Amino acid sequence: MEPGAVPPYVDVVIYLYFATVATIGRYLHGRLWFGARSAAGRSDDGSVSGQNS
């Protein structure tokens, strides 16, 4: 191995860490996005706006 190079398993651990952080970020973003969309479509009395009743 050349000086300054990291072992291959360290690369794998780093990429798995990045993938995990990205997955958690996408999950949280999706929860916030869907929560905001569902809250935006409701009025104070719980009815859905934009629909004829």
PDB file of N, CA and C in Angstrom:
ATOM      1  N   MET A   1       0.849  -1.173   0.000  1.00  0.00           N
ATOM      2  CA  MET A   1       0.000   0.000   0.000  1.00  0.00           C
ATOM      3  C   MET A   1       0.897   1.240   0.000  1.00  0.00           C
ATOM      4  N   GLU A   2       0.524   2.210  -0.778  1.00  0.00           N
ATOM      5  CA  GLU A   2       1.324   3.432  -0.858  1.00  0.00           C
ATOM      6  C   GLU A   2       1.078   4.314   0.374  1.00  0.00           C
ATOM      7  N   PRO A   3       2.029   5.156   0.722  1.00  0.00           N
ATOM      8  CA  PRO A   3       1.871   6.020   1.902  1.00  0.00           C
ATOM      9  C   PRO A   3       0.679   6.964   1.733  1.00  0.00           C
ATOM     10  N   GLY A   4      -0.094   7.119   2.792  1.00  0.00           N
ATOM     11  CA  GLY A   4      -1.247   8.015   2.757  1.00  0.00           C
ATOM     12  C   GLY A   4      -2.526   7.355   2.271  1.00  0.00           C
ATOM     13  N   ALA A   5      -2.436   6.155   1.728  1.00  0.00           N
ATOM     14  CA  ALA A   5      -3.622   5.455   1.254  1.00  0.00           C
ATOM     15  C   ALA A   5      -4.325   4.786   2.433  1.00  0.00           C
ATOM     16  N   VAL A   6      -5.621   4.694   2.327  1.00  0.00           N
ATOM     17  CA  VAL A   6      -6.387   4.039   3.395  1.00  0.00           C
ATOM     18  C   VAL A   6      -6.755   2.631   2.958  1.00  0.00           C
ATOM     19  N   PRO A   7      -6.906   1.728   3.893  1.00  0.00           N
ATOM     20  CA  PRO A   7      -7.310   0.366   3.535  1.00  0.00           C
ATOM     21  C   PRO A   7      -8.707   0.364   2.883  1.00  0.00           C
ATOM     22  N   PRO A   8      -8.976  -0.629   2.053  1.00  0.00           N
ATOM     23  CA  PRO A   8     -10.269  -0.665   1.348  1.00  0.00           C
ATOM     24  C   PRO A   8     -11.476  -0.698   2.281  1.00  0.00           C
ATOM     25  N   TYR A   9     -11.363  -1.357   3.434  1.00  0.00           N
ATOM     26  CA  TYR A   9     -12.517  -1.416   4.331  1.00  0.00           C
ATOM     27  C   TYR A   9     -12.877  -0.042   4.877  1.00  0.00           C
ATOM     28  N   VAL A  10     -11.909   0.860   4.978  1.00  0.00           N
ATOM     29  CA  VAL A  10     -12.203   2.218   5.445  1.00  0.00           C
ATOM     30  C   VAL A  10     -13.053   2.944   4.395  1.00  0.00           C
ATOM     31  N   ASP A  11     -12.750   2.745   3.122  1.00  0.00           N
ATOM     32  CA  ASP A  11     -13.574   3.326   2.064  1.00  0.00           C
ATOM     33  C   ASP A  11     -15.007   2.828   2.155  1.00  0.00           C
ATOM     34  N   VAL A  12     -15.171   1.543   2.376  1.00  0.00           N
ATOM     35  CA  VAL A  12     -16.514   0.955   2.466  1.00  0.00           C
ATOM     36  C   VAL A  12     -17.272   1.562   3.646  1.00  0.00           C
ATOM     37  N   VAL A  13     -16.608   1.701   4.792  1.00  0.00           N
ATOM     38  CA  VAL A  13     -17.254   2.272   5.975  1.00  0.00           C
ATOM     39  C   VAL A  13     -17.666   3.718   5.710  1.00  0.00           C
ATOM     40  N   ILE A  14     -16.815   4.480   5.058  1.00  0.00           N
ATOM     41  CA  ILE A  14     -17.135   5.880   4.747  1.00  0.00           C
ATOM     42  C   ILE A  14     -18.338   5.954   3.818  1.00  0.00           C
ATOM     43  N   TYR A  15     -18.362   5.141   2.757  1.00  0.00           N
ATOM     44  CA  TYR A  15     -19.491   5.165   1.820  1.00  0.00           C
ATOM     45  C   TYR A  15     -20.782   4.701   2.493  1.00  0.00           C
ATOM     46  N   LEU A  16     -20.702   3.714   3.378  1.00  0.00           N
ATOM     47  CA  LEU A  16     -21.903   3.278   4.105  1.00  0.00           C
ATOM     48  C   LEU A  16     -22.409   4.373   5.043  1.00  0.00           C
ATOM     49  N   TYR A  17     -21.495   5.095   5.655  1.00  0.00           N
ATOM     50  CA  TYR A  17     -21.884   6.213   6.513  1.00  0.00           C
ATOM     51  C   TYR A  17     -22.624   7.274   5.693  1.00  0.00           C
ATOM     52  N   PHE A  18     -22.057   7.656   4.550  1.00  0.00           N
ATOM     53  CA  PHE A  18     -22.705   8.651   3.693  1.00  0.00           C
ATOM     54  C   PHE A  18     -24.076   8.167   3.232  1.00  0.00           C
ATOM     55  N   ALA A  19     -24.182   6.906   2.854  1.00  0.00           N
ATOM     56  CA  ALA A  19     -25.462   6.360   2.404  1.00  0.00           C
ATOM     57  C   ALA A  19     -26.482   6.377   3.538  1.00  0.00           C
ATOM     58  N   THR A  20     -26.046   6.060   4.752  1.00  0.00           N
ATOM     59  CA  THR A  20     -26.948   6.071   5.898  1.00  0.00           C
ATOM     60  C   THR A  20     -27.443   7.477   6.195  1.00  0.00           C
ATOM     61  N   VAL A  21     -26.544   8.435   6.194  1.00  0.00           N
ATOM     62  CA  VAL A  21     -26.928   9.824   6.457  1.00  0.00           C
ATOM     63  C   VAL A  21     -27.875  10.328   5.368  1.00  0.00           C
ATOM     64  N   ALA A  22     -27.594   9.989   4.120  1.00  0.00           N
ATOM     65  CA  ALA A  22     -28.476  10.409   3.027  1.00  0.00           C
ATOM     66  C   ALA A  22     -29.857   9.774   3.152  1.00  0.00           C
ATOM     67  N   THR A  23     -29.907   8.512   3.541  1.00  0.00           N
ATOM     68  CA  THR A  23     -31.191   7.827   3.704  1.00  0.00           C
ATOM     69  C   THR A  23     -32.010   8.458   4.822  1.00  0.00           C
ATOM     70  N   ILE A  24     -31.371   8.752   5.936  1.00  0.00           N
ATOM     71  CA  ILE A  24     -32.072   9.399   7.053  1.00  0.00           C
ATOM     72  C   ILE A  24     -32.563  10.788   6.631  1.00  0.00           C
ATOM     73  N   GLY A  25     -31.742  11.526   5.923  1.00  0.00           N
ATOM     74  CA  GLY A  25     -32.130  12.855   5.455  1.00  0.00           C
ATOM     75  C   GLY A  25     -33.313  12.807   4.506  1.00  0.00           C
ATOM     76  N   ARG A  26     -33.299  11.838   3.581  1.00  0.00           N
ATOM     77  CA  ARG A  26     -34.426  11.704   2.648  1.00  0.00           C
ATOM     78  C   ARG A  26     -35.699  11.312   3.381  1.00  0.00           C
ATOM     79  N   TYR A  27     -35.589  10.445   4.383  1.00  0.00           N
ATOM     80  CA  TYR A  27     -36.752  10.032   5.166  1.00  0.00           C
ATOM     81  C   TYR A  27     -37.351  11.233   5.903  1.00  0.00           C
ATOM     82  N   LEU A  28     -36.506  12.006   6.581  1.00  0.00           N
ATOM     83  CA  LEU A  28     -37.001  13.156   7.318  1.00  0.00           C
ATOM     84  C   LEU A  28     -37.570  14.219   6.393  1.00  0.00           C
ATOM     85  N   HIS A  29     -36.930  14.439   5.267  1.00  0.00           N
ATOM     86  CA  HIS A  29     -37.431  15.406   4.299  1.00  0.00           C
ATOM     87  C   HIS A  29     -38.804  14.975   3.789  1.00  0.00           C
ATOM     88  N   GLY A  30     -38.964  13.699   3.488  1.00  0.00           N
ATOM     89  CA  GLY A  30     -40.243  13.192   3.020  1.00  0.00           C
ATOM     90  C   GLY A  30     -41.335  13.347   4.060  1.00  0.00           C
ATOM     91  N   ARG A  31     -41.020  13.064   5.314  1.00  0.00           N
ATOM     92  CA  ARG A  31     -42.018  13.235   6.381  1.00  0.00           C
ATOM     93  C   ARG A  31     -42.446  14.678   6.493  1.00  0.00           C
ATOM     94  N   LEU A  32     -41.489  15.602   6.461  1.00  0.00           N
ATOM     95  CA  LEU A  32     -41.834  17.022   6.557  1.00  0.00           C
ATOM     96  C   LEU A  32     -42.633  17.475   5.340  1.00  0.00           C
ATOM     97  N   TRP A  33     -42.243  17.021   4.153  1.00  0.00           N
ATOM     98  CA  TRP A  33     -42.909  17.436   2.919  1.00  0.00           C
ATOM     99  C   TRP A  33     -44.343  16.927   2.884  1.00  0.00           C
ATOM    100  N   PHE A  34     -44.537  15.636   3.171  1.00  0.00           N
ATOM    101  CA  PHE A  34     -45.886  15.087   3.162  1.00  0.00           C
ATOM    102  C   PHE A  34     -46.729  15.681   4.293  1.00  0.00           C
ATOM    103  N   GLY A  35     -46.118  15.934   5.434  1.00  0.00           N
ATOM    104  CA  GLY A  35     -46.851  16.559   6.527  1.00  0.00           C
ATOM    105  C   GLY A  35     -47.313  17.958   6.173  1.00  0.00           C
ATOM    106  N   ALA A  36     -46.470  18.720   5.515  1.00  0.00           N
ATOM    107  CA  ALA A  36     -46.841  20.075   5.107  1.00  0.00           C
ATOM    108  C   ALA A  36     -47.924  20.041   4.030  1.00  0.00           C
ATOM    109  N   ARG A  37     -47.831  19.080   3.119  1.00  0.00           N
ATOM    110  CA  ARG A  37     -48.862  18.977   2.078  1.00  0.00           C
ATOM    111  C   ARG A  37     -50.207  18.620   2.673  1.00  0.00           C
ATOM    112  N   SER A  38     -50.242  17.706   3.625  1.00  0.00           N
ATOM    113  CA  SER A  38     -51.524  17.312   4.197  1.00  0.00           C
ATOM    114  C   SER A  38     -52.085  18.429   5.079  1.00  0.00           C
ATOM    115  N   ALA A  39     -51.213  19.160   5.753  1.00  0.00           N
ATOM    116  CA  ALA A  39     -51.679  20.258   6.597  1.00  0.00           C
ATOM    117  C   ALA A  39     -52.170  21.427   5.752  1.00  0.00           C
ATOM    118  N   ALA A  40     -51.574  21.645   4.590  1.00  0.00           N
ATOM    119  CA  ALA A  40     -51.965  22.762   3.734  1.00  0.00           C
ATOM    120  C   ALA A  40     -53.333  22.534   3.107  1.00  0.00           C
ATOM    121  N   GLY A  41     -53.724  21.292   2.939  1.00  0.00           N
ATOM    122  CA  GLY A  41     -55.001  20.991   2.311  1.00  0.00           C
ATOM    123  C   GLY A  41     -56.160  20.933   3.273  1.00  0.00           C
ATOM    124  N   ARG A  42     -55.925  21.162   4.548  1.00  0.00           N
ATOM    125  CA  ARG A  42     -57.000  21.063   5.549  1.00  0.00           C
ATOM    126  C   ARG A  42     -57.289  22.440   6.141  1.00  0.00           C
ATOM    127  N   SER A  43     -58.546  22.671   6.448  1.00  0.00           N
ATOM    128  CA  SER A  43     -58.925  23.903   7.128  1.00  0.00           C
ATOM    129  C   SER A  43     -59.037  23.627   8.624  1.00  0.00           C
ATOM    130  N   ASP A  44     -59.415  24.636   9.393  1.00  0.00           N
ATOM    131  CA  ASP A  44     -59.486  24.494  10.847  1.00  0.00           C
ATOM    132  C   ASP A  44     -60.539  23.484  11.298  1.00  0.00           C
ATOM    133  N   ASP A  45     -61.620  23.321  10.521  1.00  0.00           N
ATOM    134  CA  ASP A  45     -62.664  22.407  10.947  1.00  0.00           C
ATOM    135  C   ASP A  45     -62.411  20.970  10.493  1.00  0.00           C
ATOM    136  N   GLY A  46     -61.270  20.720   9.866  1.00  0.00           N
ATOM    137  CA  GLY A  46     -60.913  19.364   9.471  1.00  0.00           C
ATOM    138  C   GLY A  46     -61.361  18.978   8.083  1.00  0.00           C
ATOM    139  N   SER A  47     -62.076  19.876   7.407  1.00  0.00           N
ATOM    140  CA  SER A  47     -62.517  19.548   6.057  1.00  0.00           C
ATOM    141  C   SER A  47     -61.399  19.820   5.061  1.00  0.00           C
ATOM    142  N   VAL A  48     -61.489  19.159   3.935  1.00  0.00           N
ATOM    143  CA  VAL A  48     -60.472  19.321   2.903  1.00  0.00           C
ATOM    144  C   VAL A  48     -60.939  20.408   1.958  1.00  0.00           C
ATOM    145  N   SER A  49     -60.080  21.402   1.723  1.00  0.00           N
ATOM    146  CA  SER A  49     -60.455  22.503   0.842  1.00  0.00           C
ATOM    147  C   SER A  49     -60.362  22.068  -0.616  1.00  0.00           C
ATOM    148  N   GLY A  50     -61.159  22.705  -1.442  1.00  0.00           N
ATOM    149  CA  GLY A  50     -61.105  22.427  -2.867  1.00  0.00           C
ATOM    150  C   GLY A  50     -61.988  21.283  -3.308  1.00  0.00           C
ATOM    151  N   GLN A  51     -62.793  20.720  -2.411  1.00  0.00           N
ATOM    152  CA  GLN A  51     -63.702  19.643  -2.783  1.00  0.00           C
ATOM    153  C   GLN A  51     -65.131  20.092  -2.550  1.00  0.00           C
ATOM    154  N   ASN A  52     -65.998  19.721  -3.464  1.00  0.00           N
ATOM    155  CA  ASN A  52     -67.412  20.043  -3.312  1.00  0.00           C
ATOM    156  C   ASN A  52     -68.071  19.022  -2.403  1.00  0.00           C
ATOM    157  N   SER A  53     -68.901  19.493  -1.471  1.00  0.00           N
ATOM    158  CA  SER A  53     -69.584  18.539  -0.595  1.00  0.00           C
ATOM    159  C   SER A  53     -71.080  18.568  -0.778  1.00  0.00           C
TER     160      SER A  53
END
